[in-house]
Protein backbone atom coordinates (compact mmCIF):
# COMPACT_ATOMS: atom_id res chain seq x y z
CA MET A 1 -81.70 9.24 -35.55
CA THR A 2 -85.10 9.63 -33.91
CA ASP A 3 -88.61 10.49 -35.05
CA PHE A 4 -89.11 12.56 -31.90
CA PRO A 5 -92.30 14.60 -32.47
CA GLN A 6 -91.94 18.23 -33.44
CA GLN A 7 -93.24 20.97 -31.16
CA ALA A 8 -92.57 19.02 -27.96
CA HIS A 9 -90.01 19.65 -25.27
CA LEU A 10 -88.71 17.67 -22.33
CA ILE A 11 -90.10 18.16 -18.81
CA SER A 12 -88.43 16.83 -15.65
CA THR A 13 -91.10 15.76 -13.16
CA GLU A 14 -90.78 15.72 -9.37
CA ASP A 15 -90.15 11.97 -9.05
CA GLY A 16 -87.18 12.11 -11.45
CA SER A 17 -89.01 10.66 -14.45
CA PHE A 18 -89.28 12.68 -17.65
CA SER A 19 -92.32 13.75 -19.62
CA LEU A 20 -93.04 15.94 -22.64
CA PHE A 21 -94.92 19.18 -23.10
CA CYS A 22 -96.72 19.16 -26.44
CA GLU A 23 -96.69 22.69 -27.87
CA GLU A 24 -99.25 21.83 -30.56
CA ILE A 25 -101.79 20.63 -27.99
CA GLY A 26 -100.70 22.96 -25.19
CA GLU A 27 -100.57 20.21 -22.56
CA CYS A 28 -98.05 18.03 -20.78
CA TYR A 29 -98.32 14.26 -21.11
CA HIS A 30 -98.16 13.85 -17.32
CA SER A 31 -98.56 15.66 -14.03
CA ARG A 32 -95.51 17.62 -12.92
CA PHE A 33 -95.71 15.55 -9.72
CA GLY A 34 -94.22 12.58 -11.56
CA ALA A 35 -94.82 10.63 -14.76
CA LYS A 36 -94.14 7.25 -13.18
CA SER A 37 -95.78 8.14 -9.87
CA GLU A 38 -98.96 9.11 -11.69
CA ALA A 39 -98.98 5.85 -13.66
CA MET A 40 -98.46 3.74 -10.55
CA GLY A 41 -100.92 5.64 -8.37
CA LEU A 42 -103.79 5.88 -10.84
CA TYR A 43 -103.49 2.97 -13.25
CA ILE A 44 -102.13 0.35 -10.86
CA ARG A 45 -103.29 1.15 -7.32
CA ALA A 46 -106.56 3.02 -7.92
CA SER A 47 -107.69 0.40 -10.44
CA GLN A 48 -107.05 -2.43 -7.94
CA ILE A 49 -105.62 -4.46 -10.79
CA ALA A 50 -103.34 -6.64 -8.63
CA GLU A 51 -106.39 -8.12 -6.92
CA ARG A 52 -107.72 -9.13 -10.33
CA TRP A 53 -104.56 -10.66 -11.80
CA ARG A 54 -104.31 -13.01 -8.81
CA ASN A 55 -107.34 -14.73 -10.37
CA ALA A 56 -106.27 -17.23 -13.03
CA SER A 57 -108.57 -16.22 -15.91
CA PRO A 58 -106.93 -14.12 -18.65
CA LEU A 59 -106.96 -10.39 -17.94
CA TYR A 60 -107.61 -7.94 -20.79
CA VAL A 61 -106.33 -4.38 -20.30
CA LEU A 62 -107.04 -1.51 -22.69
CA ASP A 63 -104.48 1.32 -22.71
CA VAL A 64 -106.06 4.36 -24.36
CA GLY A 65 -103.20 6.68 -25.20
CA LEU A 66 -99.91 4.78 -25.07
CA GLY A 67 -98.13 8.15 -25.22
CA LEU A 68 -94.70 7.96 -23.60
CA GLY A 69 -95.31 4.38 -22.44
CA TYR A 70 -95.44 4.85 -18.67
CA ASN A 71 -98.89 3.37 -18.07
CA ALA A 72 -98.23 0.23 -20.09
CA LEU A 73 -94.73 -0.28 -18.72
CA CYS A 74 -95.78 0.22 -15.10
CA THR A 75 -98.50 -2.38 -15.70
CA LEU A 76 -95.94 -4.83 -17.06
CA GLU A 77 -93.44 -4.08 -14.30
CA SER A 78 -96.02 -4.56 -11.54
CA TRP A 79 -97.42 -7.79 -13.00
CA LEU A 80 -93.95 -9.28 -13.55
CA ALA A 81 -92.90 -8.37 -9.99
CA ASP A 82 -95.92 -10.03 -8.36
CA PRO A 83 -95.16 -13.62 -7.29
CA GLN A 84 -98.89 -14.18 -6.78
CA ALA A 85 -99.85 -13.22 -10.34
CA ALA A 86 -101.99 -15.98 -11.82
CA ALA A 87 -103.67 -14.37 -14.84
CA PRO A 88 -102.13 -14.23 -18.31
CA LEU A 89 -102.01 -10.53 -19.17
CA CYS A 90 -103.36 -9.29 -22.50
CA LEU A 91 -102.44 -5.60 -22.77
CA THR A 92 -103.50 -3.58 -25.83
CA SER A 93 -102.16 -0.03 -26.23
CA PHE A 94 -103.46 2.47 -28.78
CA GLU A 95 -101.51 5.51 -29.97
CA LYS A 96 -102.51 8.06 -32.61
CA ASN A 97 -99.14 9.82 -32.95
CA GLN A 98 -97.00 7.68 -35.24
CA ALA A 99 -93.85 9.76 -34.77
CA LEU A 100 -94.14 9.46 -31.01
CA PHE A 101 -94.59 5.69 -31.24
CA ASN A 102 -91.57 5.41 -33.54
CA SER A 103 -89.38 7.21 -31.02
CA LEU A 104 -90.72 5.11 -28.16
CA ARG A 105 -90.17 1.83 -30.00
CA ILE A 106 -86.53 2.46 -30.85
CA VAL A 107 -85.84 3.80 -27.33
CA GLN A 108 -84.39 7.08 -28.56
CA GLY A 109 -86.88 9.47 -27.00
CA PRO A 110 -85.22 11.94 -24.60
CA TRP A 111 -87.77 11.02 -21.88
CA GLN A 112 -86.36 7.46 -21.94
CA VAL A 113 -82.84 8.48 -20.89
CA ASN A 114 -83.08 7.12 -17.33
CA TRP A 115 -85.32 4.15 -18.00
CA PRO A 116 -84.32 0.77 -16.53
CA GLU A 117 -82.95 -1.84 -18.88
CA SER A 118 -86.05 -4.00 -18.35
CA TRP A 119 -88.30 -1.28 -19.80
CA ARG A 120 -86.01 -0.92 -22.80
CA SER A 121 -86.03 -4.65 -23.43
CA TRP A 122 -89.84 -4.87 -23.33
CA ILE A 123 -90.16 -2.01 -25.80
CA GLN A 124 -87.57 -3.53 -28.11
CA ALA A 125 -89.38 -6.88 -28.01
CA LEU A 126 -92.24 -5.34 -30.01
CA ALA A 127 -92.31 -6.78 -33.53
CA PRO A 128 -94.54 -5.76 -36.47
CA ILE A 129 -97.48 -7.96 -37.42
CA SER A 130 -97.74 -7.10 -41.10
CA ALA A 131 -100.73 -9.32 -41.77
CA LEU A 132 -102.92 -7.06 -39.64
CA HIS A 133 -101.99 -3.80 -41.34
CA SER A 134 -105.17 -2.19 -42.65
CA THR A 135 -107.23 0.97 -42.33
CA THR A 136 -109.50 -0.61 -39.73
CA SER A 137 -106.93 -2.46 -37.63
CA GLY A 138 -104.07 0.04 -37.72
CA GLU A 139 -100.35 -0.71 -37.72
CA VAL A 140 -99.85 -3.49 -35.19
CA TRP A 141 -96.85 -4.47 -33.07
CA LYS A 142 -96.68 -7.34 -30.57
CA ALA A 143 -94.40 -8.62 -27.82
CA HIS A 144 -94.54 -11.86 -25.81
CA ILE A 145 -93.16 -11.35 -22.29
CA PRO A 146 -93.10 -14.37 -19.95
CA HIS A 147 -93.55 -14.01 -16.20
CA PRO A 148 -90.26 -14.79 -14.39
CA THR A 149 -91.71 -17.10 -11.72
CA ARG A 150 -95.16 -18.15 -12.96
CA PRO A 151 -96.17 -20.27 -16.01
CA ILE A 152 -97.95 -17.31 -17.61
CA ALA A 153 -97.06 -14.56 -20.07
CA CYS A 154 -98.07 -11.11 -21.23
CA GLU A 155 -99.11 -10.52 -24.81
CA TRP A 156 -98.57 -6.82 -25.40
CA THR A 157 -100.13 -5.36 -28.55
CA CYS A 158 -99.54 -1.79 -29.74
CA VAL A 159 -101.81 -0.28 -32.39
CA THR A 160 -101.22 3.04 -34.14
CA GLY A 161 -103.90 5.19 -35.73
CA ASP A 162 -107.19 6.76 -34.63
CA ILE A 163 -108.65 4.53 -31.91
CA ARG A 164 -112.17 5.32 -33.10
CA GLU A 165 -111.32 3.45 -36.31
CA THR A 166 -109.10 0.68 -34.89
CA LEU A 167 -110.56 -0.25 -31.50
CA PHE A 168 -113.21 -2.76 -32.49
CA ALA A 169 -110.89 -4.86 -34.66
CA HIS A 170 -108.88 -5.64 -31.50
CA ALA A 171 -111.60 -5.97 -28.86
CA PRO A 172 -111.54 -9.32 -26.98
CA SER A 173 -114.74 -11.36 -27.11
CA SER A 174 -114.99 -11.30 -23.30
CA GLY A 175 -114.43 -7.54 -23.17
CA TRP A 176 -111.79 -5.42 -21.48
CA GLU A 177 -111.74 -5.58 -17.67
CA ARG A 178 -109.41 -2.68 -17.00
CA ILE A 179 -109.11 0.53 -19.02
CA TRP A 180 -106.35 3.12 -18.68
CA TYR A 181 -108.07 6.19 -20.12
CA ASP A 182 -105.37 8.74 -20.85
CA PRO A 183 -106.06 10.89 -23.93
CA PHE A 184 -105.41 14.62 -23.88
CA SER A 185 -108.00 16.64 -21.97
CA ALA A 186 -111.62 17.14 -22.97
CA LYS A 187 -110.74 20.66 -24.12
CA LYS A 188 -108.04 19.37 -26.47
CA ALA A 189 -109.48 15.99 -27.56
CA PRO A 190 -113.24 16.43 -27.04
CA GLU A 191 -114.24 13.57 -29.32
CA LEU A 192 -112.75 10.99 -26.93
CA TRP A 193 -114.63 12.42 -23.92
CA ALA A 194 -118.05 12.73 -25.57
CA ALA A 195 -121.01 10.53 -24.66
CA PRO A 196 -121.42 8.98 -28.16
CA TRP A 197 -117.87 7.63 -28.10
CA LEU A 198 -118.09 6.50 -24.46
CA THR A 199 -121.30 4.68 -25.36
CA GLN A 200 -119.46 2.83 -28.14
CA LEU A 201 -116.62 2.01 -25.79
CA ARG A 202 -119.08 0.49 -23.33
CA THR A 203 -120.11 -2.12 -25.92
CA CYS A 204 -116.73 -3.88 -25.80
CA VAL A 205 -116.03 -4.06 -22.06
CA ALA A 206 -116.60 -6.83 -19.52
CA PRO A 207 -119.48 -6.44 -17.05
CA SER A 208 -116.96 -6.04 -14.22
CA VAL A 209 -114.86 -3.40 -16.02
CA THR A 210 -113.00 -0.71 -14.10
CA LEU A 211 -111.90 2.37 -16.03
CA VAL A 212 -109.57 4.89 -14.42
CA THR A 213 -108.67 8.33 -15.68
CA TYR A 214 -107.00 11.51 -14.49
CA SER A 215 -109.86 13.82 -15.51
CA VAL A 216 -112.61 14.73 -13.05
CA ALA A 217 -114.00 17.59 -15.14
CA ARG A 218 -117.74 18.08 -14.80
CA SER A 219 -118.25 17.61 -18.55
CA VAL A 220 -116.38 14.30 -18.36
CA ARG A 221 -118.46 13.02 -15.45
CA GLU A 222 -121.66 14.03 -17.22
CA ALA A 223 -120.59 12.32 -20.45
CA PHE A 224 -119.80 9.06 -18.67
CA ALA A 225 -123.15 9.14 -16.87
CA GLN A 226 -125.02 9.84 -20.11
CA ALA A 227 -123.20 6.93 -21.77
CA GLY A 228 -124.28 4.41 -19.13
CA TRP A 229 -121.33 4.47 -16.75
CA SER A 230 -121.19 5.24 -13.04
CA TRP A 231 -118.27 7.14 -11.56
CA GLU A 232 -116.62 7.96 -8.27
CA LYS A 233 -113.80 10.28 -7.32
CA VAL A 234 -110.77 8.64 -5.69
CA PRO A 235 -108.21 10.60 -3.63
CA THR A 236 -104.62 10.87 -4.82
CA ASP A 237 -101.29 11.30 -3.08
CA THR A 238 -100.22 13.82 -5.71
CA GLY A 239 -100.77 17.55 -6.01
CA LYS A 240 -104.07 16.76 -7.75
CA ARG A 241 -107.02 16.34 -5.39
CA SER A 242 -108.71 13.36 -7.06
CA TRP A 243 -108.93 11.01 -10.02
CA LEU A 244 -111.95 9.26 -11.52
CA ARG A 245 -112.84 5.56 -11.26
CA VAL A 246 -115.63 4.47 -13.60
CA ARG A 247 -117.71 1.29 -13.90
CA ARG A 248 -120.72 0.13 -15.86
CA ASN A 249 -123.79 1.36 -14.06
CA ASP A 250 -125.54 -2.01 -14.46
CA PHE A 251 -122.85 -3.87 -12.51
CA PRO A 252 -122.32 -3.45 -8.75
CA SER A 253 -119.10 -1.94 -7.41
CA ALA A 254 -116.61 -4.21 -5.70
């Protein structure tokens, strides 16, 4: 039996991966071009993360909106497949929808039907950390995933609850260096695209942070700028013209 969220139905995307359309929100979790293609193009290639994980210092990645899992799993898959990876990977995913996370974790969501066995095993490796259950830290799950050819590992943490209440209990002291920013749109989840929240987010990132997101809406660009970030549009190979790459405006671009 699954906790598959109500008011959502399955969408087949152009690359063969599956997504969901959320009736309650009125939006799809991914572009119709392809759920996995979007994750790989935006959160892996446009972020230039492979260049960073070939440096040996630990790499902290913040996944805002775990959703159906594609962004986190493509990150894991790409890091594990790179024989030049040198950085231990610390990936922290936040998800507000508990029912969605429950379905993801037990690998019974209909969008997971054609997932590779490796993805299923990484999801099923998540174990609850009961000592961290609280209002401010959320419900916490962790998995330890070793690299197949390098003496390093990924520590994947999943946190459920409102990220505005749980984020700071899990922020690394050195700050996040990469951020996958993937909440619903500014029209549907305005609080996560507003300057006050983006200003708070900026307090727990590394100086060299790169944030990538699908939204290039004018209101989003203005909110980032007001909150002390600089942004640039990056071209895509999807039906969408561009994505957004964002950095702290007091740190030079690479």
